[in-house]
Structure formats: C-alpha cells, structure tokens
Amino acid sequence: MERDSGQAAARFEALFERHHAQVAAYVRRRAGEAAVEDAVAETFLVAWRSLERLHGDPLPWLYGVARLVLANDSRSRRRRLALRARLAGQPQPSMPVADEVSEQLRAALLALGEREREALLLIAWEGLTPAQAARASGCSAVAFRGRLYRARRHLAQELAAPPPNDCLATPKEAGGI
C-alpha cells in the first residue's frame, strides 16, 4: 500500500512535535546529554519507517524504540570499553544514572538488574502506567507488574542496607581530625 507522502509527513510532524521533548528527556535521564541528539534522531527515524503501523498512544512505543536504540549504543560502547580496559588493564565503568539523584539512590539503582532498574524508571521518571511501561519494555502487562514488584522490593532492600564499613569510621579513625 502506497502512502500519501504529504499526509504521512503531516502525521509524522505532529508525532514529532508532540513527543520529541518526552523522548529527549527519556534518553537524557538514561544516557546523558551527549547521547540525546543521536538517540532521539534514530528513534524518530524508526517511527517514520513504522508510521503506518502506529496506532493509539505512540509514546510508550517510542520509549521502547529509544530503549532499544540506547541498548544497541550501550552494547557498542561496552565492547569498545572492554577492549580498551583489556588493553589498559582497567575495570569497566558501570551504567550511568541521572546526575540529579542522590549517591545512595544512584548506588541502589545501579545494584539492580537492568530490567528491574528500567521498570522503576519508566514508572517514576517517565510517569507511565504499568500497561504503558509494559509496552515500552516489550513484555506483557502481567510480566511487567511482576518485574516492577521485584524491582521495588530489591530497591527497598538496597536502600535499607547498611553503608560499607569504611563509611562508619569516625573522623579520627579515618585519619581525619
């Protein structure tokens, strides 16, 4: 079926105008400012190619595409970093989390698995309903609710865990005052 290019362009332009800021914020919170332009462009390129198949609320679908774009970029980056680390004998850095969270929350989020962390962030940062977040994650609503339940439980455990022993030292014991 051949599409009317003027009608398709108008539909895509409306989609872009309506959701660009939200997709950019999604990418920014997960990968930082440097990744926004490329990841958002690639996300909307996929949206243009899939325009005829988009129905209903496209935002969860756009988040799902952005998640896959970031995952592909992350895999490529990890491979490059792993090679550099192997060559330099240095450990690999962990996945970034937005700068606006506290160190305790950042550490707790990084301690979670990628799927659990993403489940929490889709609900808390992106404001999606569990059904929308399931669509963005590419799983059923039932599977997503289970993942979200486990993520909340694991995050609570991580936040309740005592700090490492070196954080409990008094200033005198730590070589301070």
N, C-alpha and C. Protein backbone atom coordinates (compact mmCIF):
# COMPACT_ATOMS: atom_id res chain seq x y z
N MET A 1 0.84 -1.18 0.00
CA MET A 1 0.00 0.00 0.00
C MET A 1 0.89 1.24 0.00
N GLU A 2 0.68 2.11 -0.98
CA GLU A 2 1.48 3.32 -1.10
C GLU A 2 0.84 4.42 -0.26
N ARG A 3 1.64 5.12 0.51
CA ARG A 3 1.08 6.16 1.37
C ARG A 3 1.19 7.54 0.72
N ASP A 4 0.25 8.38 1.05
CA ASP A 4 0.27 9.76 0.59
C ASP A 4 1.37 10.47 1.36
N SER A 5 2.43 10.88 0.67
CA SER A 5 3.60 11.43 1.35
C SER A 5 3.28 12.72 2.10
N GLY A 6 2.38 13.55 1.58
CA GLY A 6 2.02 14.78 2.28
C GLY A 6 1.28 14.50 3.58
N GLN A 7 0.37 13.55 3.53
CA GLN A 7 -0.40 13.17 4.72
C GLN A 7 0.52 12.50 5.75
N ALA A 8 1.41 11.64 5.27
CA ALA A 8 2.34 10.96 6.16
C ALA A 8 3.29 11.96 6.81
N ALA A 9 3.77 12.91 6.02
CA ALA A 9 4.69 13.92 6.57
C ALA A 9 4.00 14.75 7.64
N ALA A 10 2.74 15.12 7.40
CA ALA A 10 1.99 15.90 8.39
C ALA A 10 1.77 15.09 9.66
N ARG A 11 1.45 13.82 9.51
CA ARG A 11 1.24 12.95 10.68
C ARG A 11 2.54 12.79 11.47
N PHE A 12 3.65 12.60 10.74
CA PHE A 12 4.94 12.45 11.41
C PHE A 12 5.33 13.74 12.12
N GLU A 13 5.12 14.86 11.48
CA GLU A 13 5.46 16.15 12.08
C GLU A 13 4.68 16.36 13.38
N ALA A 14 3.40 16.00 13.38
CA ALA A 14 2.59 16.12 14.59
C ALA A 14 3.12 15.18 15.68
N LEU A 15 3.48 13.96 15.30
CA LEU A 15 4.05 13.00 16.25
C LEU A 15 5.34 13.54 16.85
N PHE A 16 6.19 14.07 16.00
CA PHE A 16 7.48 14.60 16.45
C PHE A 16 7.28 15.78 17.39
N GLU A 17 6.44 16.73 17.00
CA GLU A 17 6.19 17.91 17.83
C GLU A 17 5.62 17.53 19.19
N ARG A 18 4.74 16.54 19.20
CA ARG A 18 4.06 16.17 20.44
C ARG A 18 4.98 15.41 21.40
N HIS A 19 5.88 14.58 20.88
CA HIS A 19 6.62 13.67 21.75
C HIS A 19 8.13 13.86 21.78
N HIS A 20 8.67 14.79 21.00
CA HIS A 20 10.12 14.97 20.96
C HIS A 20 10.69 15.26 22.35
N ALA A 21 10.11 16.20 23.07
CA ALA A 21 10.65 16.59 24.38
C ALA A 21 10.63 15.42 25.36
N GLN A 22 9.57 14.61 25.32
CA GLN A 22 9.48 13.48 26.25
C GLN A 22 10.51 12.40 25.91
N VAL A 23 10.69 12.13 24.63
CA VAL A 23 11.69 11.13 24.23
C VAL A 23 13.09 11.64 24.55
N ALA A 24 13.34 12.92 24.31
CA ALA A 24 14.64 13.50 24.63
C ALA A 24 14.92 13.42 26.14
N ALA A 25 13.92 13.68 26.96
CA ALA A 25 14.09 13.59 28.42
C ALA A 25 14.36 12.15 28.83
N TYR A 26 13.65 11.21 28.22
CA TYR A 26 13.87 9.78 28.49
C TYR A 26 15.32 9.41 28.22
N VAL A 27 15.83 9.81 27.07
CA VAL A 27 17.21 9.48 26.69
C VAL A 27 18.19 10.20 27.62
N ARG A 28 17.95 11.47 27.89
CA ARG A 28 18.85 12.27 28.73
C ARG A 28 19.01 11.64 30.11
N ARG A 29 17.92 11.16 30.70
CA ARG A 29 17.98 10.58 32.04
C ARG A 29 18.73 9.25 32.06
N ARG A 30 18.79 8.57 30.96
CA ARG A 30 19.43 7.27 30.92
C ARG A 30 20.85 7.29 30.37
N ALA A 31 21.13 8.25 29.49
CA ALA A 31 22.43 8.21 28.83
C ALA A 31 23.18 9.53 28.86
N GLY A 32 22.58 10.57 29.40
CA GLY A 32 23.26 11.86 29.47
C GLY A 32 23.01 12.71 28.23
N GLU A 33 23.38 13.95 28.35
CA GLU A 33 23.13 14.95 27.31
C GLU A 33 23.81 14.60 25.99
N ALA A 34 24.98 14.04 26.05
CA ALA A 34 25.75 13.77 24.82
C ALA A 34 25.04 12.79 23.89
N ALA A 35 24.21 11.91 24.43
CA ALA A 35 23.55 10.89 23.62
C ALA A 35 22.20 11.32 23.06
N VAL A 36 21.68 12.43 23.54
CA VAL A 36 20.29 12.80 23.22
C VAL A 36 20.07 12.97 21.72
N GLU A 37 20.86 13.79 21.08
CA GLU A 37 20.61 14.12 19.68
C GLU A 37 20.59 12.89 18.79
N ASP A 38 21.60 12.05 18.88
CA ASP A 38 21.66 10.86 18.02
C ASP A 38 20.57 9.85 18.35
N ALA A 39 20.36 9.58 19.63
CA ALA A 39 19.37 8.57 20.01
C ALA A 39 17.95 9.01 19.66
N VAL A 40 17.64 10.27 19.85
CA VAL A 40 16.31 10.77 19.51
C VAL A 40 16.12 10.75 17.99
N ALA A 41 17.15 11.13 17.26
CA ALA A 41 17.05 11.11 15.79
C ALA A 41 16.81 9.68 15.30
N GLU A 42 17.53 8.73 15.85
CA GLU A 42 17.36 7.34 15.43
C GLU A 42 15.98 6.81 15.83
N THR A 43 15.50 7.21 17.00
CA THR A 43 14.17 6.79 17.45
C THR A 43 13.09 7.29 16.49
N PHE A 44 13.18 8.56 16.10
CA PHE A 44 12.17 9.10 15.21
C PHE A 44 12.35 8.61 13.76
N LEU A 45 13.55 8.20 13.39
CA LEU A 45 13.74 7.58 12.09
C LEU A 45 12.97 6.25 12.04
N VAL A 46 13.07 5.48 13.11
CA VAL A 46 12.31 4.23 13.20
C VAL A 46 10.81 4.54 13.18
N ALA A 47 10.41 5.61 13.87
CA ALA A 47 8.99 5.99 13.89
C ALA A 47 8.52 6.34 12.48
N TRP A 48 9.33 7.06 11.72
CA TRP A 48 8.96 7.41 10.35
C TRP A 48 8.77 6.16 9.51
N ARG A 49 9.70 5.22 9.66
CA ARG A 49 9.62 3.99 8.88
C ARG A 49 8.43 3.12 9.29
N SER A 50 7.97 3.28 10.52
CA SER A 50 6.87 2.46 11.04
C SER A 50 5.57 3.23 11.15
N LEU A 51 5.50 4.39 10.55
CA LEU A 51 4.37 5.30 10.73
C LEU A 51 3.02 4.64 10.42
N GLU A 52 2.96 3.82 9.39
CA GLU A 52 1.70 3.19 9.01
C GLU A 52 1.21 2.20 10.06
N ARG A 53 2.14 1.67 10.85
CA ARG A 53 1.77 0.67 11.86
C ARG A 53 1.49 1.28 13.23
N LEU A 54 1.70 2.58 13.39
CA LEU A 54 1.49 3.23 14.69
C LEU A 54 0.02 3.57 14.88
N HIS A 55 -0.53 3.06 15.97
CA HIS A 55 -1.93 3.32 16.31
C HIS A 55 -2.03 3.58 17.81
N GLY A 56 -3.03 4.29 18.24
CA GLY A 56 -3.21 4.57 19.67
C GLY A 56 -2.16 5.55 20.16
N ASP A 57 -1.83 5.45 21.44
CA ASP A 57 -0.84 6.32 22.06
C ASP A 57 0.55 5.85 21.66
N PRO A 58 1.31 6.63 20.88
CA PRO A 58 2.62 6.17 20.41
C PRO A 58 3.74 6.36 21.42
N LEU A 59 3.52 7.10 22.51
CA LEU A 59 4.61 7.40 23.43
C LEU A 59 5.25 6.15 24.05
N PRO A 60 4.49 5.20 24.57
CA PRO A 60 5.15 4.00 25.10
C PRO A 60 5.96 3.26 24.03
N TRP A 61 5.44 3.23 22.81
CA TRP A 61 6.17 2.59 21.72
C TRP A 61 7.46 3.35 21.43
N LEU A 62 7.40 4.68 21.43
CA LEU A 62 8.60 5.49 21.22
C LEU A 62 9.63 5.25 22.33
N TYR A 63 9.17 5.13 23.58
CA TYR A 63 10.09 4.81 24.67
C TYR A 63 10.74 3.44 24.44
N GLY A 64 9.96 2.49 23.98
CA GLY A 64 10.51 1.17 23.69
C GLY A 64 11.56 1.22 22.60
N VAL A 65 11.32 1.99 21.55
CA VAL A 65 12.31 2.15 20.48
C VAL A 65 13.56 2.84 21.03
N ALA A 66 13.37 3.90 21.81
CA ALA A 66 14.51 4.61 22.39
C ALA A 66 15.31 3.68 23.30
N ARG A 67 14.61 2.83 24.05
CA ARG A 67 15.30 1.86 24.92
C ARG A 67 16.18 0.94 24.09
N LEU A 68 15.67 0.47 22.96
CA LEU A 68 16.45 -0.42 22.10
C LEU A 68 17.61 0.32 21.45
N VAL A 69 17.40 1.56 21.05
CA VAL A 69 18.48 2.38 20.48
C VAL A 69 19.59 2.55 21.52
N LEU A 70 19.20 2.88 22.74
CA LEU A 70 20.20 3.04 23.81
C LEU A 70 20.90 1.72 24.14
N ALA A 71 20.15 0.63 24.11
CA ALA A 71 20.75 -0.68 24.38
C ALA A 71 21.79 -1.02 23.31
N ASN A 72 21.46 -0.76 22.05
CA ASN A 72 22.43 -1.01 20.98
C ASN A 72 23.67 -0.14 21.15
N ASP A 73 23.45 1.12 21.47
CA ASP A 73 24.58 2.03 21.69
C ASP A 73 25.40 1.59 22.89
N SER A 74 24.71 1.16 23.94
CA SER A 74 25.40 0.71 25.15
C SER A 74 26.24 -0.54 24.88
N ARG A 75 25.69 -1.47 24.12
CA ARG A 75 26.46 -2.67 23.76
C ARG A 75 27.72 -2.30 22.98
N SER A 76 27.57 -1.41 22.04
CA SER A 76 28.74 -0.97 21.25
C SER A 76 29.76 -0.28 22.15
N ARG A 77 29.27 0.58 23.03
CA ARG A 77 30.17 1.30 23.94
C ARG A 77 30.86 0.33 24.89
N ARG A 78 30.11 -0.66 25.42
CA ARG A 78 30.72 -1.65 26.33
C ARG A 78 31.81 -2.45 25.62
N ARG A 79 31.56 -2.80 24.37
CA ARG A 79 32.58 -3.54 23.61
C ARG A 79 33.84 -2.70 23.45
N ARG A 80 33.67 -1.44 23.10
CA ARG A 80 34.84 -0.56 22.96
C ARG A 80 35.56 -0.40 24.30
N LEU A 81 34.78 -0.17 25.37
CA LEU A 81 35.39 0.00 26.69
C LEU A 81 36.07 -1.28 27.16
N ALA A 82 35.45 -2.42 26.88
CA ALA A 82 36.05 -3.69 27.27
C ALA A 82 37.38 -3.89 26.57
N LEU A 83 37.44 -3.55 25.31
CA LEU A 83 38.69 -3.68 24.58
C LEU A 83 39.74 -2.74 25.15
N ARG A 84 39.34 -1.49 25.39
CA ARG A 84 40.28 -0.54 25.99
C ARG A 84 40.73 -1.02 27.37
N ALA A 85 39.78 -1.52 28.18
CA ALA A 85 40.12 -1.99 29.52
C ALA A 85 41.07 -3.17 29.46
N ARG A 86 40.79 -4.07 28.53
CA ARG A 86 41.67 -5.23 28.38
C ARG A 86 43.08 -4.78 28.00
N LEU A 87 43.13 -3.81 27.11
CA LEU A 87 44.43 -3.30 26.67
C LEU A 87 45.13 -2.52 27.77
N ALA A 88 44.38 -1.79 28.56
CA ALA A 88 44.97 -0.96 29.60
C ALA A 88 44.97 -1.63 30.97
N GLY A 89 44.29 -2.78 31.10
CA GLY A 89 44.22 -3.46 32.40
C GLY A 89 43.37 -2.73 33.42
N GLN A 90 42.36 -1.98 32.95
CA GLN A 90 41.50 -1.23 33.85
C GLN A 90 40.11 -1.84 33.87
N PRO A 91 39.37 -1.71 35.00
CA PRO A 91 37.99 -2.22 35.06
C PRO A 91 37.06 -1.36 34.23
N GLN A 92 35.92 -1.95 33.83
CA GLN A 92 34.92 -1.24 33.04
C GLN A 92 34.04 -0.38 33.93
N PRO A 93 33.64 0.83 33.47
CA PRO A 93 32.72 1.66 34.25
C PRO A 93 31.31 1.08 34.21
N SER A 94 30.51 1.41 35.24
CA SER A 94 29.13 0.91 35.28
C SER A 94 28.21 1.82 34.49
N MET A 95 26.95 1.37 34.31
CA MET A 95 25.96 2.13 33.57
C MET A 95 25.65 3.45 34.28
N PRO A 96 25.54 4.55 33.53
CA PRO A 96 25.23 5.82 34.17
C PRO A 96 23.77 5.92 34.61
N VAL A 97 23.54 6.71 35.64
CA VAL A 97 22.20 7.05 36.12
C VAL A 97 22.19 8.56 36.22
N ALA A 98 21.04 9.17 36.03
CA ALA A 98 20.93 10.63 36.00
C ALA A 98 21.64 11.27 37.18
N ASP A 99 22.25 12.42 36.91
CA ASP A 99 23.02 13.14 37.93
C ASP A 99 22.18 13.71 39.06
N GLU A 100 20.87 13.90 38.83
CA GLU A 100 20.05 14.56 39.83
C GLU A 100 19.62 13.67 40.99
N VAL A 101 20.06 12.40 41.03
CA VAL A 101 19.70 11.53 42.14
C VAL A 101 20.82 11.51 43.17
N SER A 102 20.46 11.21 44.42
CA SER A 102 21.46 11.15 45.48
C SER A 102 22.41 9.98 45.25
N GLU A 103 23.56 10.04 45.87
CA GLU A 103 24.53 8.95 45.72
C GLU A 103 23.98 7.63 46.24
N GLN A 104 23.20 7.69 47.34
CA GLN A 104 22.61 6.47 47.90
C GLN A 104 21.63 5.85 46.91
N LEU A 105 20.78 6.67 46.32
CA LEU A 105 19.82 6.16 45.35
C LEU A 105 20.53 5.68 44.09
N ARG A 106 21.54 6.42 43.64
CA ARG A 106 22.31 6.02 42.47
C ARG A 106 22.92 4.63 42.69
N ALA A 107 23.53 4.43 43.86
CA ALA A 107 24.15 3.14 44.16
C ALA A 107 23.09 2.03 44.22
N ALA A 108 21.94 2.33 44.81
CA ALA A 108 20.88 1.33 44.92
C ALA A 108 20.34 0.97 43.53
N LEU A 109 20.15 1.97 42.67
CA LEU A 109 19.67 1.71 41.32
C LEU A 109 20.68 0.90 40.51
N LEU A 110 21.94 1.24 40.65
CA LEU A 110 22.98 0.51 39.92
C LEU A 110 23.15 -0.92 40.41
N ALA A 111 22.73 -1.18 41.64
CA ALA A 111 22.81 -2.54 42.18
C ALA A 111 21.72 -3.44 41.61
N LEU A 112 20.67 -2.84 41.06
CA LEU A 112 19.58 -3.62 40.47
C LEU A 112 19.98 -4.12 39.09
N GLY A 113 19.28 -5.14 38.63
CA GLY A 113 19.46 -5.59 37.26
C GLY A 113 18.91 -4.55 36.30
N GLU A 114 19.34 -4.61 35.04
CA GLU A 114 18.93 -3.62 34.05
C GLU A 114 17.42 -3.58 33.87
N ARG A 115 16.78 -4.74 33.80
CA ARG A 115 15.33 -4.78 33.59
C ARG A 115 14.56 -4.21 34.78
N GLU A 116 15.01 -4.53 35.99
CA GLU A 116 14.33 -4.00 37.18
C GLU A 116 14.52 -2.49 37.27
N ARG A 117 15.73 -2.02 37.00
CA ARG A 117 16.00 -0.58 37.04
C ARG A 117 15.12 0.14 36.02
N GLU A 118 15.03 -0.40 34.80
CA GLU A 118 14.22 0.23 33.76
C GLU A 118 12.75 0.23 34.14
N ALA A 119 12.26 -0.82 34.78
CA ALA A 119 10.86 -0.87 35.21
C ALA A 119 10.56 0.28 36.17
N LEU A 120 11.43 0.47 37.16
CA LEU A 120 11.24 1.56 38.11
C LEU A 120 11.30 2.92 37.42
N LEU A 121 12.26 3.10 36.53
CA LEU A 121 12.44 4.40 35.90
C LEU A 121 11.30 4.75 34.94
N LEU A 122 10.75 3.77 34.26
CA LEU A 122 9.61 4.05 33.38
C LEU A 122 8.42 4.56 34.18
N ILE A 123 8.23 4.02 35.37
CA ILE A 123 7.11 4.46 36.22
C ILE A 123 7.44 5.78 36.91
N ALA A 124 8.61 5.86 37.54
CA ALA A 124 8.95 7.03 38.37
C ALA A 124 9.37 8.24 37.54
N TRP A 125 10.23 8.06 36.55
CA TRP A 125 10.75 9.20 35.80
C TRP A 125 9.88 9.55 34.60
N GLU A 126 9.37 8.54 33.92
CA GLU A 126 8.61 8.81 32.70
C GLU A 126 7.13 8.96 32.96
N GLY A 127 6.65 8.54 34.15
CA GLY A 127 5.25 8.71 34.52
C GLY A 127 4.30 7.82 33.75
N LEU A 128 4.78 6.68 33.27
CA LEU A 128 3.91 5.76 32.53
C LEU A 128 3.08 4.92 33.49
N THR A 129 1.97 4.46 33.02
CA THR A 129 1.19 3.48 33.77
C THR A 129 1.89 2.13 33.57
N PRO A 130 1.62 1.14 34.42
CA PRO A 130 2.23 -0.17 34.22
C PRO A 130 1.92 -0.76 32.84
N ALA A 131 0.72 -0.54 32.31
CA ALA A 131 0.38 -1.07 30.99
C ALA A 131 1.23 -0.39 29.91
N GLN A 132 1.40 0.93 30.00
CA GLN A 132 2.23 1.64 29.03
C GLN A 132 3.69 1.23 29.16
N ALA A 133 4.16 1.09 30.40
CA ALA A 133 5.54 0.70 30.63
C ALA A 133 5.80 -0.71 30.10
N ALA A 134 4.81 -1.59 30.22
CA ALA A 134 4.95 -2.94 29.68
C ALA A 134 5.14 -2.88 28.17
N ARG A 135 4.37 -2.02 27.52
CA ARG A 135 4.51 -1.86 26.07
C ARG A 135 5.89 -1.32 25.73
N ALA A 136 6.37 -0.33 26.48
CA ALA A 136 7.69 0.24 26.24
C ALA A 136 8.79 -0.79 26.48
N SER A 137 8.57 -1.71 27.41
CA SER A 137 9.56 -2.74 27.75
C SER A 137 9.49 -3.94 26.83
N GLY A 138 8.42 -4.03 26.07
CA GLY A 138 8.28 -5.16 25.15
C GLY A 138 7.87 -6.44 25.84
N CYS A 139 7.06 -6.31 26.90
CA CYS A 139 6.59 -7.51 27.60
C CYS A 139 5.10 -7.35 27.92
N SER A 140 4.50 -8.40 28.44
CA SER A 140 3.08 -8.33 28.79
C SER A 140 2.91 -7.49 30.06
N ALA A 141 1.70 -7.01 30.26
CA ALA A 141 1.41 -6.22 31.46
C ALA A 141 1.62 -7.05 32.72
N VAL A 142 1.25 -8.33 32.67
CA VAL A 142 1.43 -9.21 33.83
C VAL A 142 2.91 -9.38 34.15
N ALA A 143 3.71 -9.61 33.12
CA ALA A 143 5.16 -9.78 33.32
C ALA A 143 5.77 -8.48 33.86
N PHE A 144 5.31 -7.36 33.34
CA PHE A 144 5.86 -6.08 33.81
C PHE A 144 5.51 -5.82 35.26
N ARG A 145 4.27 -6.11 35.65
CA ARG A 145 3.88 -5.90 37.05
C ARG A 145 4.73 -6.76 37.99
N GLY A 146 5.03 -7.98 37.60
CA GLY A 146 5.92 -8.83 38.40
C GLY A 146 7.31 -8.25 38.48
N ARG A 147 7.81 -7.77 37.35
CA ARG A 147 9.15 -7.16 37.31
C ARG A 147 9.18 -5.92 38.19
N LEU A 148 8.13 -5.10 38.14
CA LEU A 148 8.05 -3.89 38.95
C LEU A 148 8.00 -4.23 40.44
N TYR A 149 7.23 -5.25 40.79
CA TYR A 149 7.15 -5.68 42.18
C TYR A 149 8.53 -6.08 42.69
N ARG A 150 9.24 -6.91 41.91
CA ARG A 150 10.58 -7.35 42.32
C ARG A 150 11.55 -6.17 42.39
N ALA A 151 11.42 -5.26 41.45
CA ALA A 151 12.31 -4.09 41.43
C ALA A 151 12.11 -3.23 42.67
N ARG A 152 10.86 -3.01 43.04
CA ARG A 152 10.59 -2.21 44.24
C ARG A 152 11.12 -2.89 45.49
N ARG A 153 10.92 -4.20 45.57
CA ARG A 153 11.41 -4.96 46.73
C ARG A 153 12.95 -4.90 46.80
N HIS A 154 13.62 -5.11 45.66
CA HIS A 154 15.08 -5.08 45.66
C HIS A 154 15.63 -3.68 45.94
N LEU A 155 14.96 -2.65 45.41
CA LEU A 155 15.40 -1.28 45.68
C LEU A 155 15.28 -0.98 47.17
N ALA A 156 14.17 -1.38 47.78
CA ALA A 156 13.98 -1.16 49.22
C ALA A 156 15.07 -1.87 50.01
N GLN A 157 15.43 -3.08 49.61
CA GLN A 157 16.50 -3.82 50.29
C GLN A 157 17.83 -3.09 50.14
N GLU A 158 18.10 -2.61 48.95
CA GLU A 158 19.36 -1.89 48.72
C GLU A 158 19.42 -0.60 49.52
N LEU A 159 18.31 0.11 49.60
CA LEU A 159 18.29 1.37 50.34
C LEU A 159 18.38 1.14 51.85
N ALA A 160 17.91 -0.03 52.31
CA ALA A 160 17.95 -0.34 53.74
C ALA A 160 19.29 -0.94 54.17
N ALA A 161 20.10 -1.35 53.21
CA ALA A 161 21.38 -1.99 53.53
C ALA A 161 22.29 -0.97 54.24
N PRO A 162 23.05 -1.43 55.24
CA PRO A 162 23.96 -0.52 55.92
C PRO A 162 25.08 -0.09 54.98
N PRO A 163 25.63 1.12 55.18
CA PRO A 163 26.74 1.57 54.33
C PRO A 163 27.98 0.70 54.56
N PRO A 164 28.93 0.73 53.63
CA PRO A 164 30.16 -0.04 53.82
C PRO A 164 30.87 0.36 55.11
N ASN A 165 31.70 -0.53 55.66
CA ASN A 165 32.38 -0.30 56.94
C ASN A 165 33.21 0.97 56.95
N ASP A 166 33.88 1.31 55.85
CA ASP A 166 34.73 2.49 55.86
C ASP A 166 33.92 3.78 56.00
N CYS A 167 32.63 3.74 55.71
CA CYS A 167 31.77 4.92 55.89
C CYS A 167 31.37 5.09 57.35
N LEU A 168 31.52 4.03 58.15
CA LEU A 168 31.12 4.10 59.55
C LEU A 168 32.24 4.57 60.47
N ALA A 169 33.44 4.71 59.92
CA ALA A 169 34.58 5.12 60.75
C ALA A 169 34.40 6.56 61.21
N THR A 170 34.85 6.84 62.43
CA THR A 170 34.82 8.21 62.92
C THR A 170 35.92 8.99 62.22
N PRO A 171 35.84 10.33 62.22
CA PRO A 171 36.87 11.11 61.55
C PRO A 171 38.28 10.78 62.05
N LYS A 172 38.42 10.51 63.35
CA LYS A 172 39.75 10.22 63.91
C LYS A 172 40.26 8.87 63.37
N GLU A 173 39.35 7.84 63.33
CA GLU A 173 39.73 6.54 62.83
C GLU A 173 40.05 6.59 61.34
N ALA A 174 39.41 7.48 60.62
CA ALA A 174 39.59 7.58 59.17
C ALA A 174 40.79 8.44 58.82
N GLY A 175 41.57 8.87 59.81
CA GLY A 175 42.74 9.67 59.54
C GLY A 175 42.44 11.16 59.47
N GLY A 176 41.25 11.53 59.89
CA GLY A 176 40.84 12.94 59.85
C GLY A 176 41.18 13.64 61.13
N ILE A 177 40.31 14.50 61.58
CA ILE A 177 40.54 15.35 62.76
C ILE A 177 40.82 14.57 64.01
